[in-house]
Amino acid sequence: MPLYSYFQSKLKHLLVLMSFSILSISSNVIANDEVLAYPFNADSGRYWQYVSDRVMGGVSDGKVNLEQDGEMYYARLTGNVSTANNGGFIQLRASVSFANSEKEGENLKGVRLNVRGNGETYYIHIRTNESWSPSDYYATTFIASEEWQMIDLPFNKFERRWSKDSTLDPKKIRSFGIVAYGKDYVSDISVSTLEFYY
């Protein structure tokens, strides 16, 4: 089930507005005492958005497909990342809000992903209510191996790009991105589950 046409129209809209407006996935949350889970499903395309460095003149090229393996749905981000023209990223992003959860993000410890890929290093970019520009975010890295695996990324491992001594406050999270970033390489990463854990 390709999402490319949907994402392509959204990217055109982004080029006109020169903004990073994103859709909410808060209505898709599944909460319990241990996690706030955002599973991928047949409707996930409405909540996620493909963005590349082309919004700022870069030449990276990619796409996102929503694919299915048995009963499991997953998003697959593929493409060529290029650092030419001061570029260097393709990503899958969505807004995140804990406003509808009882704990409203309080005491969250980190994010957990079920991923597989091509053995490359990928990034998680998180923006908060304190972010003052699209390039102001907290980030950490992980390696996506060829087999599906659950990866825990504690918030205390995230560093703010413009302020290394700043600490990520989960209650202030407003967007989440899975990013192929920072060097010339081929991206191929699949994500089936996104969870914020206590």
N, C-alpha and C. Protein backbone atom coordinates (compact mmCIF):
# COMPACT_ATOMS: atom_id res chain seq x y z
N MET A 1 0.85 -1.18 0.00
CA MET A 1 0.00 0.00 0.00
C MET A 1 0.89 1.24 0.00
N PRO A 2 1.20 1.79 -1.19
CA PRO A 2 2.13 2.93 -1.25
C PRO A 2 1.53 4.19 -0.68
N LEU A 3 2.34 4.93 0.05
CA LEU A 3 1.94 6.23 0.60
C LEU A 3 2.61 7.37 -0.15
N TYR A 4 3.34 7.06 -1.23
CA TYR A 4 4.17 8.07 -1.88
C TYR A 4 3.34 9.25 -2.39
N SER A 5 2.18 8.97 -3.02
CA SER A 5 1.37 10.07 -3.56
C SER A 5 0.89 10.99 -2.45
N TYR A 6 0.48 10.39 -1.34
CA TYR A 6 0.04 11.20 -0.20
C TYR A 6 1.17 12.08 0.31
N PHE A 7 2.35 11.46 0.50
CA PHE A 7 3.48 12.21 1.03
C PHE A 7 3.97 13.25 0.03
N GLN A 8 3.90 12.94 -1.28
CA GLN A 8 4.35 13.88 -2.29
C GLN A 8 3.50 15.14 -2.28
N SER A 9 2.18 14.98 -2.12
CA SER A 9 1.31 16.16 -2.07
C SER A 9 1.56 16.97 -0.82
N LYS A 10 1.83 16.28 0.29
CA LYS A 10 2.15 17.00 1.52
C LYS A 10 3.47 17.75 1.41
N LEU A 11 4.46 17.13 0.73
CA LEU A 11 5.74 17.78 0.56
C LEU A 11 5.61 19.04 -0.28
N LYS A 12 4.77 18.99 -1.32
CA LYS A 12 4.53 20.17 -2.14
C LYS A 12 3.94 21.29 -1.30
N HIS A 13 3.01 20.93 -0.41
CA HIS A 13 2.42 21.91 0.49
C HIS A 13 3.48 22.50 1.42
N LEU A 14 4.40 21.65 1.89
CA LEU A 14 5.48 22.14 2.75
C LEU A 14 6.37 23.12 2.01
N LEU A 15 6.63 22.85 0.74
CA LEU A 15 7.48 23.75 -0.03
C LEU A 15 6.85 25.13 -0.14
N VAL A 16 5.54 25.17 -0.28
CA VAL A 16 4.85 26.45 -0.39
C VAL A 16 4.89 27.20 0.93
N LEU A 17 4.66 26.49 2.00
CA LEU A 17 4.60 27.15 3.32
C LEU A 17 5.96 27.31 3.97
N MET A 18 6.98 26.53 3.46
CA MET A 18 8.31 26.51 4.08
C MET A 18 8.20 26.27 5.59
N SER A 19 7.37 25.33 5.94
CA SER A 19 7.18 25.02 7.35
C SER A 19 7.28 23.52 7.54
N PHE A 20 7.24 23.08 8.80
CA PHE A 20 7.29 21.67 9.12
C PHE A 20 6.01 21.28 9.86
N SER A 21 4.86 21.74 9.37
CA SER A 21 3.60 21.38 9.99
C SER A 21 3.42 19.88 9.92
N ILE A 22 2.92 19.29 11.01
CA ILE A 22 2.80 17.84 11.08
C ILE A 22 1.47 17.42 11.68
N LEU A 23 1.11 16.21 11.42
CA LEU A 23 -0.18 15.70 11.83
C LEU A 23 -0.10 15.04 13.19
N SER A 24 -1.22 14.99 13.87
CA SER A 24 -1.25 14.42 15.22
C SER A 24 -1.51 12.93 15.17
N ILE A 25 -0.78 12.17 15.99
CA ILE A 25 -1.08 10.76 16.14
C ILE A 25 -1.63 10.47 17.53
N SER A 26 -1.99 11.53 18.27
CA SER A 26 -2.45 11.32 19.63
C SER A 26 -3.74 10.51 19.68
N SER A 27 -4.57 10.58 18.63
CA SER A 27 -5.82 9.83 18.62
C SER A 27 -5.58 8.35 18.38
N ASN A 28 -4.37 7.97 18.03
CA ASN A 28 -4.05 6.59 17.71
C ASN A 28 -3.32 5.88 18.85
N VAL A 29 -3.26 6.52 20.01
CA VAL A 29 -2.46 6.00 21.11
C VAL A 29 -3.17 4.87 21.84
N ILE A 30 -2.38 3.88 22.27
CA ILE A 30 -2.87 2.81 23.14
C ILE A 30 -2.08 2.93 24.43
N ALA A 31 -2.77 3.14 25.53
CA ALA A 31 -2.07 3.40 26.80
C ALA A 31 -2.33 2.28 27.79
N ASN A 32 -1.29 1.96 28.56
CA ASN A 32 -1.44 1.12 29.74
C ASN A 32 -0.43 1.60 30.77
N ASP A 33 -0.26 0.84 31.85
CA ASP A 33 0.60 1.30 32.94
C ASP A 33 2.08 1.33 32.56
N GLU A 34 2.46 0.62 31.50
CA GLU A 34 3.88 0.51 31.17
C GLU A 34 4.29 1.28 29.94
N VAL A 35 3.39 1.47 28.97
CA VAL A 35 3.76 2.13 27.71
C VAL A 35 2.63 2.98 27.17
N LEU A 36 3.00 3.94 26.34
CA LEU A 36 2.08 4.63 25.44
C LEU A 36 2.49 4.17 24.05
N ALA A 37 1.66 3.38 23.38
CA ALA A 37 2.04 2.74 22.13
C ALA A 37 1.34 3.37 20.94
N TYR A 38 2.11 3.55 19.86
CA TYR A 38 1.59 4.06 18.60
C TYR A 38 1.87 3.02 17.52
N PRO A 39 1.07 1.97 17.44
CA PRO A 39 1.34 0.92 16.45
C PRO A 39 0.98 1.38 15.04
N PHE A 40 1.70 0.87 14.06
CA PHE A 40 1.33 1.12 12.67
C PHE A 40 0.16 0.22 12.30
N ASN A 41 -0.74 0.76 11.50
CA ASN A 41 -1.90 0.00 11.04
C ASN A 41 -2.33 0.54 9.68
N ALA A 42 -3.46 0.06 9.19
CA ALA A 42 -3.91 0.45 7.85
C ALA A 42 -4.19 1.94 7.71
N ASP A 43 -4.43 2.62 8.82
CA ASP A 43 -4.73 4.05 8.78
C ASP A 43 -3.54 4.94 9.13
N SER A 44 -2.37 4.36 9.33
CA SER A 44 -1.23 5.13 9.82
C SER A 44 -0.79 6.25 8.89
N GLY A 45 -1.07 6.11 7.61
CA GLY A 45 -0.66 7.14 6.66
C GLY A 45 -1.24 8.51 6.97
N ARG A 46 -2.34 8.54 7.67
CA ARG A 46 -2.96 9.83 8.02
C ARG A 46 -2.19 10.57 9.09
N TYR A 47 -1.38 9.86 9.84
CA TYR A 47 -0.75 10.47 11.01
C TYR A 47 0.74 10.75 10.83
N TRP A 48 1.34 10.19 9.79
CA TRP A 48 2.77 10.35 9.56
C TRP A 48 3.01 11.12 8.27
N GLN A 49 4.16 11.74 8.18
CA GLN A 49 4.48 12.57 7.04
C GLN A 49 5.93 12.38 6.62
N TYR A 50 6.16 12.25 5.32
CA TYR A 50 7.51 12.17 4.78
C TYR A 50 8.02 13.59 4.54
N VAL A 51 9.25 13.84 4.99
CA VAL A 51 9.90 15.14 4.77
C VAL A 51 11.34 14.87 4.38
N SER A 52 11.88 15.66 3.43
CA SER A 52 13.28 15.52 3.06
C SER A 52 13.96 16.88 3.05
N ASP A 53 15.27 16.86 2.83
CA ASP A 53 16.02 18.12 2.78
C ASP A 53 15.68 18.98 1.57
N ARG A 54 14.83 18.51 0.68
CA ARG A 54 14.42 19.31 -0.47
C ARG A 54 13.65 20.56 -0.05
N VAL A 55 13.08 20.56 1.15
CA VAL A 55 12.40 21.76 1.63
C VAL A 55 13.38 22.90 1.85
N MET A 56 14.68 22.59 1.90
CA MET A 56 15.70 23.62 2.11
C MET A 56 16.75 23.61 1.01
N GLY A 57 16.41 23.03 -0.14
CA GLY A 57 17.31 23.06 -1.28
C GLY A 57 18.20 21.85 -1.46
N GLY A 58 18.07 20.84 -0.60
CA GLY A 58 18.87 19.63 -0.73
C GLY A 58 18.38 18.76 -1.87
N VAL A 59 19.09 17.66 -2.10
CA VAL A 59 18.76 16.79 -3.23
C VAL A 59 18.53 15.34 -2.81
N SER A 60 18.41 15.07 -1.52
CA SER A 60 18.10 13.70 -1.09
C SER A 60 16.76 13.27 -1.65
N ASP A 61 16.63 12.00 -1.93
CA ASP A 61 15.42 11.49 -2.58
C ASP A 61 14.97 10.23 -1.85
N GLY A 62 13.69 10.14 -1.51
CA GLY A 62 13.21 8.97 -0.80
C GLY A 62 11.71 8.82 -0.89
N LYS A 63 11.21 7.83 -0.18
CA LYS A 63 9.77 7.59 -0.12
C LYS A 63 9.47 6.74 1.10
N VAL A 64 8.19 6.70 1.44
CA VAL A 64 7.72 5.85 2.54
C VAL A 64 6.58 4.99 2.01
N ASN A 65 6.65 3.70 2.29
CA ASN A 65 5.56 2.79 1.99
C ASN A 65 5.04 2.21 3.30
N LEU A 66 3.73 2.02 3.38
CA LEU A 66 3.14 1.24 4.46
C LEU A 66 3.00 -0.17 3.95
N GLU A 67 3.73 -1.11 4.57
CA GLU A 67 3.76 -2.49 4.10
C GLU A 67 3.20 -3.41 5.18
N GLN A 68 2.98 -4.66 4.79
CA GLN A 68 2.35 -5.61 5.70
C GLN A 68 3.06 -6.95 5.61
N ASP A 69 3.31 -7.55 6.76
CA ASP A 69 3.88 -8.89 6.85
C ASP A 69 2.97 -9.70 7.76
N GLY A 70 2.13 -10.52 7.18
CA GLY A 70 1.09 -11.20 7.96
C GLY A 70 0.12 -10.16 8.50
N GLU A 71 -0.05 -10.15 9.82
CA GLU A 71 -0.94 -9.16 10.44
C GLU A 71 -0.19 -7.90 10.88
N MET A 72 1.11 -7.88 10.70
CA MET A 72 1.91 -6.75 11.15
C MET A 72 2.08 -5.72 10.04
N TYR A 73 1.71 -4.47 10.34
CA TYR A 73 1.95 -3.35 9.45
C TYR A 73 3.23 -2.65 9.87
N TYR A 74 3.93 -2.09 8.90
CA TYR A 74 5.13 -1.31 9.22
C TYR A 74 5.37 -0.26 8.15
N ALA A 75 6.01 0.81 8.56
CA ALA A 75 6.41 1.88 7.63
C ALA A 75 7.84 1.60 7.21
N ARG A 76 8.10 1.76 5.91
CA ARG A 76 9.44 1.52 5.37
C ARG A 76 9.95 2.79 4.69
N LEU A 77 11.03 3.34 5.22
CA LEU A 77 11.63 4.57 4.71
C LEU A 77 12.85 4.20 3.87
N THR A 78 12.77 4.44 2.57
CA THR A 78 13.87 4.11 1.66
C THR A 78 14.26 5.33 0.85
N GLY A 79 15.50 5.34 0.39
CA GLY A 79 15.94 6.42 -0.47
C GLY A 79 17.44 6.63 -0.42
N ASN A 80 17.88 7.68 -1.09
CA ASN A 80 19.29 8.05 -1.15
C ASN A 80 19.48 9.36 -0.42
N VAL A 81 20.28 9.33 0.64
CA VAL A 81 20.59 10.53 1.40
C VAL A 81 21.84 11.16 0.79
N SER A 82 21.75 12.46 0.49
CA SER A 82 22.86 13.18 -0.09
C SER A 82 23.16 14.44 0.72
N THR A 83 24.44 14.68 0.96
CA THR A 83 24.83 15.89 1.68
C THR A 83 25.09 17.06 0.73
N ALA A 84 24.85 16.89 -0.57
CA ALA A 84 25.03 17.97 -1.53
C ALA A 84 24.06 19.11 -1.24
N ASN A 85 24.46 20.31 -1.59
CA ASN A 85 23.62 21.50 -1.41
C ASN A 85 23.22 21.71 0.05
N ASN A 86 24.13 21.37 0.97
CA ASN A 86 23.88 21.53 2.40
C ASN A 86 22.71 20.70 2.90
N GLY A 87 22.43 19.60 2.22
CA GLY A 87 21.34 18.72 2.63
C GLY A 87 21.85 17.57 3.47
N GLY A 88 21.08 16.50 3.48
CA GLY A 88 21.53 15.32 4.19
C GLY A 88 20.50 14.60 5.03
N PHE A 89 19.20 14.61 4.63
CA PHE A 89 18.25 13.82 5.41
C PHE A 89 16.99 13.49 4.63
N ILE A 90 16.41 12.35 4.98
CA ILE A 90 15.02 12.02 4.68
C ILE A 90 14.44 11.50 5.99
N GLN A 91 13.15 11.73 6.21
CA GLN A 91 12.59 11.30 7.49
C GLN A 91 11.09 11.06 7.43
N LEU A 92 10.65 10.33 8.42
CA LEU A 92 9.23 10.04 8.65
C LEU A 92 8.88 10.69 9.98
N ARG A 93 7.91 11.63 9.97
CA ARG A 93 7.63 12.42 11.17
C ARG A 93 6.15 12.45 11.50
N ALA A 94 5.87 12.67 12.77
CA ALA A 94 4.51 12.88 13.23
C ALA A 94 4.54 13.71 14.50
N SER A 95 3.43 14.37 14.77
CA SER A 95 3.33 15.07 16.05
C SER A 95 2.97 14.05 17.13
N VAL A 96 3.35 14.34 18.34
CA VAL A 96 3.06 13.48 19.48
C VAL A 96 2.53 14.35 20.61
N SER A 97 1.42 13.94 21.18
CA SER A 97 0.85 14.68 22.31
C SER A 97 0.43 13.69 23.38
N PHE A 98 0.77 14.02 24.62
CA PHE A 98 0.34 13.19 25.74
C PHE A 98 -0.84 13.81 26.47
N ALA A 99 -1.49 14.78 25.83
CA ALA A 99 -2.58 15.50 26.47
C ALA A 99 -3.75 14.58 26.82
N ASN A 100 -3.94 13.51 26.05
CA ASN A 100 -5.07 12.61 26.30
C ASN A 100 -4.71 11.43 27.19
N SER A 101 -3.47 11.39 27.68
CA SER A 101 -3.08 10.30 28.57
C SER A 101 -3.17 10.77 30.02
N GLU A 102 -3.47 9.85 30.91
CA GLU A 102 -3.64 10.20 32.32
C GLU A 102 -2.39 10.84 32.91
N LYS A 103 -1.23 10.31 32.54
CA LYS A 103 0.01 10.79 33.13
C LYS A 103 0.62 11.96 32.37
N GLU A 104 0.09 12.25 31.18
CA GLU A 104 0.54 13.37 30.35
C GLU A 104 2.06 13.37 30.18
N GLY A 105 2.63 12.21 29.97
CA GLY A 105 4.06 12.11 29.73
C GLY A 105 4.92 12.10 30.97
N GLU A 106 4.30 12.24 32.13
CA GLU A 106 5.09 12.30 33.37
C GLU A 106 5.78 10.97 33.64
N ASN A 107 7.04 11.05 34.00
CA ASN A 107 7.86 9.89 34.37
C ASN A 107 8.18 8.95 33.21
N LEU A 108 7.95 9.37 31.99
CA LEU A 108 8.37 8.55 30.86
C LEU A 108 9.89 8.46 30.85
N LYS A 109 10.39 7.26 30.54
CA LYS A 109 11.83 7.02 30.60
C LYS A 109 12.50 7.01 29.23
N GLY A 110 11.73 6.66 28.18
CA GLY A 110 12.35 6.59 26.87
C GLY A 110 11.39 6.13 25.80
N VAL A 111 11.96 5.85 24.63
CA VAL A 111 11.16 5.40 23.49
C VAL A 111 11.67 4.03 23.05
N ARG A 112 10.75 3.21 22.60
CA ARG A 112 11.06 1.83 22.18
C ARG A 112 10.54 1.64 20.76
N LEU A 113 11.38 1.06 19.91
CA LEU A 113 11.01 0.82 18.52
C LEU A 113 11.22 -0.64 18.15
N ASN A 114 10.33 -1.16 17.31
CA ASN A 114 10.58 -2.45 16.67
C ASN A 114 11.03 -2.13 15.25
N VAL A 115 12.30 -2.43 14.93
CA VAL A 115 12.88 -1.98 13.66
C VAL A 115 13.66 -3.10 12.98
N ARG A 116 13.84 -2.92 11.69
CA ARG A 116 14.83 -3.69 10.93
C ARG A 116 15.32 -2.77 9.81
N GLY A 117 16.48 -3.12 9.25
CA GLY A 117 17.03 -2.24 8.23
C GLY A 117 18.17 -2.88 7.48
N ASN A 118 19.09 -2.03 7.06
CA ASN A 118 20.20 -2.47 6.23
C ASN A 118 21.55 -2.35 6.94
N GLY A 119 21.51 -2.31 8.28
CA GLY A 119 22.74 -2.26 9.05
C GLY A 119 23.32 -0.88 9.22
N GLU A 120 22.62 0.14 8.74
CA GLU A 120 23.10 1.51 8.84
C GLU A 120 22.66 2.15 10.16
N THR A 121 23.28 3.29 10.46
CA THR A 121 22.92 4.08 11.64
C THR A 121 21.81 5.06 11.28
N TYR A 122 20.80 5.11 12.12
CA TYR A 122 19.67 6.03 11.94
C TYR A 122 19.50 6.87 13.20
N TYR A 123 18.68 7.90 13.07
CA TYR A 123 18.49 8.86 14.15
C TYR A 123 17.02 8.91 14.57
N ILE A 124 16.82 9.29 15.82
CA ILE A 124 15.52 9.75 16.30
C ILE A 124 15.68 11.24 16.60
N HIS A 125 14.84 12.05 16.02
CA HIS A 125 14.81 13.49 16.30
C HIS A 125 13.51 13.80 17.03
N ILE A 126 13.62 14.43 18.18
CA ILE A 126 12.46 14.82 18.97
C ILE A 126 12.48 16.33 19.17
N ARG A 127 11.37 16.97 18.83
CA ARG A 127 11.22 18.39 19.12
C ARG A 127 10.28 18.57 20.30
N THR A 128 10.51 19.62 21.06
CA THR A 128 9.68 19.91 22.22
C THR A 128 9.06 21.30 22.08
N ASN A 129 8.25 21.67 23.06
CA ASN A 129 7.66 23.01 23.07
C ASN A 129 8.72 24.10 23.18
N GLU A 130 9.94 23.73 23.57
CA GLU A 130 11.02 24.69 23.69
C GLU A 130 11.80 24.87 22.40
N SER A 131 11.57 24.03 21.40
CA SER A 131 12.31 24.12 20.14
C SER A 131 11.98 25.43 19.43
N TRP A 132 13.00 26.14 19.04
CA TRP A 132 12.80 27.47 18.45
C TRP A 132 12.96 27.50 16.93
N SER A 133 13.38 26.37 16.34
CA SER A 133 13.50 26.30 14.88
C SER A 133 13.44 24.84 14.46
N PRO A 134 13.24 24.56 13.15
CA PRO A 134 13.24 23.17 12.69
C PRO A 134 14.54 22.44 12.97
N SER A 135 15.64 23.16 13.14
CA SER A 135 16.93 22.52 13.40
C SER A 135 17.25 22.41 14.89
N ASP A 136 16.30 22.77 15.74
CA ASP A 136 16.48 22.66 17.19
C ASP A 136 15.72 21.42 17.68
N TYR A 137 16.45 20.36 17.95
CA TYR A 137 15.82 19.10 18.34
C TYR A 137 16.77 18.31 19.23
N TYR A 138 16.20 17.31 19.90
CA TYR A 138 16.98 16.33 20.65
C TYR A 138 17.18 15.11 19.75
N ALA A 139 18.36 14.48 19.83
CA ALA A 139 18.63 13.36 18.93
C ALA A 139 19.43 12.27 19.62
N THR A 140 19.23 11.06 19.13
CA THR A 140 20.08 9.93 19.47
C THR A 140 20.11 9.00 18.27
N THR A 141 21.02 8.03 18.28
CA THR A 141 21.19 7.14 17.14
C THR A 141 20.94 5.68 17.54
N PHE A 142 20.71 4.87 16.51
CA PHE A 142 20.62 3.43 16.69
C PHE A 142 20.98 2.77 15.36
N ILE A 143 21.34 1.51 15.42
CA ILE A 143 21.64 0.74 14.21
C ILE A 143 20.46 -0.19 13.92
N ALA A 144 19.99 -0.15 12.69
CA ALA A 144 18.88 -1.01 12.28
C ALA A 144 19.44 -2.24 11.58
N SER A 145 19.42 -3.38 12.29
CA SER A 145 19.98 -4.61 11.74
C SER A 145 19.00 -5.26 10.76
N GLU A 146 19.42 -6.32 10.11
CA GLU A 146 18.60 -6.95 9.07
C GLU A 146 17.44 -7.76 9.64
N GLU A 147 17.47 -8.07 10.92
CA GLU A 147 16.39 -8.80 11.57
C GLU A 147 15.58 -7.86 12.46
N TRP A 148 14.30 -8.12 12.61
CA TRP A 148 13.46 -7.31 13.49
C TRP A 148 14.02 -7.37 14.91
N GLN A 149 14.09 -6.21 15.56
CA GLN A 149 14.51 -6.17 16.96
C GLN A 149 13.88 -4.97 17.66
N MET A 150 13.61 -5.17 18.95
CA MET A 150 13.12 -4.08 19.79
C MET A 150 14.31 -3.32 20.34
N ILE A 151 14.29 -2.00 20.21
CA ILE A 151 15.39 -1.15 20.67
C ILE A 151 14.84 -0.14 21.67
N ASP A 152 15.44 -0.09 22.85
CA ASP A 152 15.09 0.91 23.86
C ASP A 152 16.08 2.08 23.78
N LEU A 153 15.54 3.29 23.72
CA LEU A 153 16.36 4.50 23.65
C LEU A 153 15.96 5.42 24.80
N PRO A 154 16.70 5.37 25.92
CA PRO A 154 16.36 6.21 27.08
C PRO A 154 16.48 7.69 26.75
N PHE A 155 15.59 8.50 27.31
CA PHE A 155 15.62 9.93 27.05
C PHE A 155 16.91 10.59 27.53
N ASN A 156 17.55 10.00 28.55
CA ASN A 156 18.79 10.62 29.04
C ASN A 156 19.96 10.43 28.07
N LYS A 157 19.75 9.67 27.00
CA LYS A 157 20.77 9.52 25.96
C LYS A 157 20.58 10.53 24.82
N PHE A 158 19.47 11.26 24.83
CA PHE A 158 19.21 12.24 23.78
C PHE A 158 19.96 13.53 24.09
N GLU A 159 20.57 14.13 23.07
CA GLU A 159 21.25 15.40 23.22
C GLU A 159 20.59 16.45 22.35
N ARG A 160 20.46 17.65 22.89
CA ARG A 160 19.89 18.75 22.14
C ARG A 160 20.95 19.32 21.20
N ARG A 161 20.58 19.54 19.97
CA ARG A 161 21.56 19.94 18.97
C ARG A 161 22.27 21.25 19.32
N TRP A 162 21.51 22.22 19.79
CA TRP A 162 22.09 23.55 20.02
C TRP A 162 22.41 23.83 21.48
N SER A 163 22.15 22.88 22.35
CA SER A 163 22.41 23.11 23.78
C SER A 163 22.69 21.77 24.44
N LYS A 164 23.95 21.36 24.46
CA LYS A 164 24.32 20.03 24.93
C LYS A 164 24.00 19.79 26.40
N ASP A 165 23.87 20.86 27.18
CA ASP A 165 23.59 20.68 28.61
C ASP A 165 22.10 20.68 28.93
N SER A 166 21.26 20.73 27.91
CA SER A 166 19.82 20.73 28.11
C SER A 166 19.31 19.29 28.25
N THR A 167 18.28 19.09 29.07
CA THR A 167 17.72 17.76 29.31
C THR A 167 16.33 17.66 28.69
N LEU A 168 16.08 16.56 28.01
CA LEU A 168 14.79 16.34 27.36
C LEU A 168 13.71 16.11 28.41
N ASP A 169 12.66 16.93 28.37
CA ASP A 169 11.52 16.79 29.26
C ASP A 169 10.39 16.12 28.48
N PRO A 170 10.06 14.85 28.77
CA PRO A 170 9.04 14.13 27.99
C PRO A 170 7.69 14.83 27.94
N LYS A 171 7.34 15.58 28.97
CA LYS A 171 6.04 16.24 28.99
C LYS A 171 5.93 17.32 27.91
N LYS A 172 7.07 17.75 27.38
CA LYS A 172 7.08 18.83 26.40
C LYS A 172 7.27 18.35 24.97
N ILE A 173 7.31 17.03 24.78
CA ILE A 173 7.49 16.50 23.42
C ILE A 173 6.32 16.89 22.53
N ARG A 174 6.65 17.33 21.31
CA ARG A 174 5.58 17.68 20.37
C ARG A 174 5.75 17.06 18.99
N SER A 175 6.95 16.54 18.67
CA SER A 175 7.09 15.82 17.40
C SER A 175 8.19 14.78 17.51
N PHE A 176 8.08 13.80 16.64
CA PHE A 176 8.95 12.63 16.67
C PHE A 176 9.31 12.27 15.24
N GLY A 177 10.61 12.09 14.96
CA GLY A 177 11.03 11.74 13.61
C GLY A 177 11.98 10.56 13.59
N ILE A 178 11.81 9.68 12.62
CA ILE A 178 12.73 8.59 12.33
C ILE A 178 13.50 9.04 11.11
N VAL A 179 14.83 9.19 11.23
CA VAL A 179 15.58 9.96 10.26
C VAL A 179 16.81 9.21 9.73
N ALA A 180 16.96 9.22 8.41
CA ALA A 180 18.21 8.84 7.76
C ALA A 180 18.96 10.15 7.52
N TYR A 181 20.16 10.28 8.09
CA TYR A 181 20.71 11.62 8.25
C TYR A 181 22.24 11.66 8.24
N GLY A 182 22.77 12.76 7.71
CA GLY A 182 24.13 13.18 8.02
C GLY A 182 25.26 12.70 7.14
N LYS A 183 25.01 11.80 6.19
CA LYS A 183 26.07 11.32 5.31
C LYS A 183 25.43 10.81 4.02
N ASP A 184 26.26 10.56 3.02
CA ASP A 184 25.77 10.02 1.75
C ASP A 184 25.62 8.51 1.89
N TYR A 185 24.39 8.04 1.85
CA TYR A 185 24.17 6.60 1.94
C TYR A 185 22.75 6.24 1.52
N VAL A 186 22.52 4.93 1.39
CA VAL A 186 21.21 4.40 1.02
C VAL A 186 20.45 4.06 2.28
N SER A 187 19.24 4.59 2.39
CA SER A 187 18.38 4.31 3.54
C SER A 187 17.43 3.17 3.23
N ASP A 188 17.28 2.27 4.18
CA ASP A 188 16.25 1.23 4.11
C ASP A 188 15.96 0.81 5.54
N ILE A 189 14.96 1.42 6.13
CA ILE A 189 14.60 1.13 7.51
C ILE A 189 13.10 0.94 7.62
N SER A 190 12.70 -0.08 8.38
CA SER A 190 11.29 -0.38 8.61
C SER A 190 11.00 -0.30 10.11
N VAL A 191 9.85 0.26 10.45
CA VAL A 191 9.43 0.41 11.85
C VAL A 191 8.00 -0.07 11.96
N SER A 192 7.76 -1.01 12.89
CA SER A 192 6.41 -1.54 13.05
C SER A 192 5.73 -1.03 14.31
N THR A 193 6.52 -0.63 15.30
CA THR A 193 5.95 -0.20 16.56
C THR A 193 6.75 0.95 17.14
N LEU A 194 6.03 1.92 17.70
CA LEU A 194 6.63 3.02 18.43
C LEU A 194 5.97 3.07 19.80
N GLU A 195 6.77 2.97 20.87
CA GLU A 195 6.23 3.01 22.22
C GLU A 195 7.05 3.99 23.07
N PHE A 196 6.36 4.72 23.94
CA PHE A 196 7.03 5.50 24.97
C PHE A 196 6.83 4.73 26.27
N TYR A 197 7.91 4.43 26.95
CA TYR A 197 7.81 3.55 28.12
C TYR A 197 8.15 4.28 29.42
N TYR A 198 7.56 3.78 30.52
CA TYR A 198 7.78 4.33 31.86
C TYR A 198 8.91 3.59 32.55
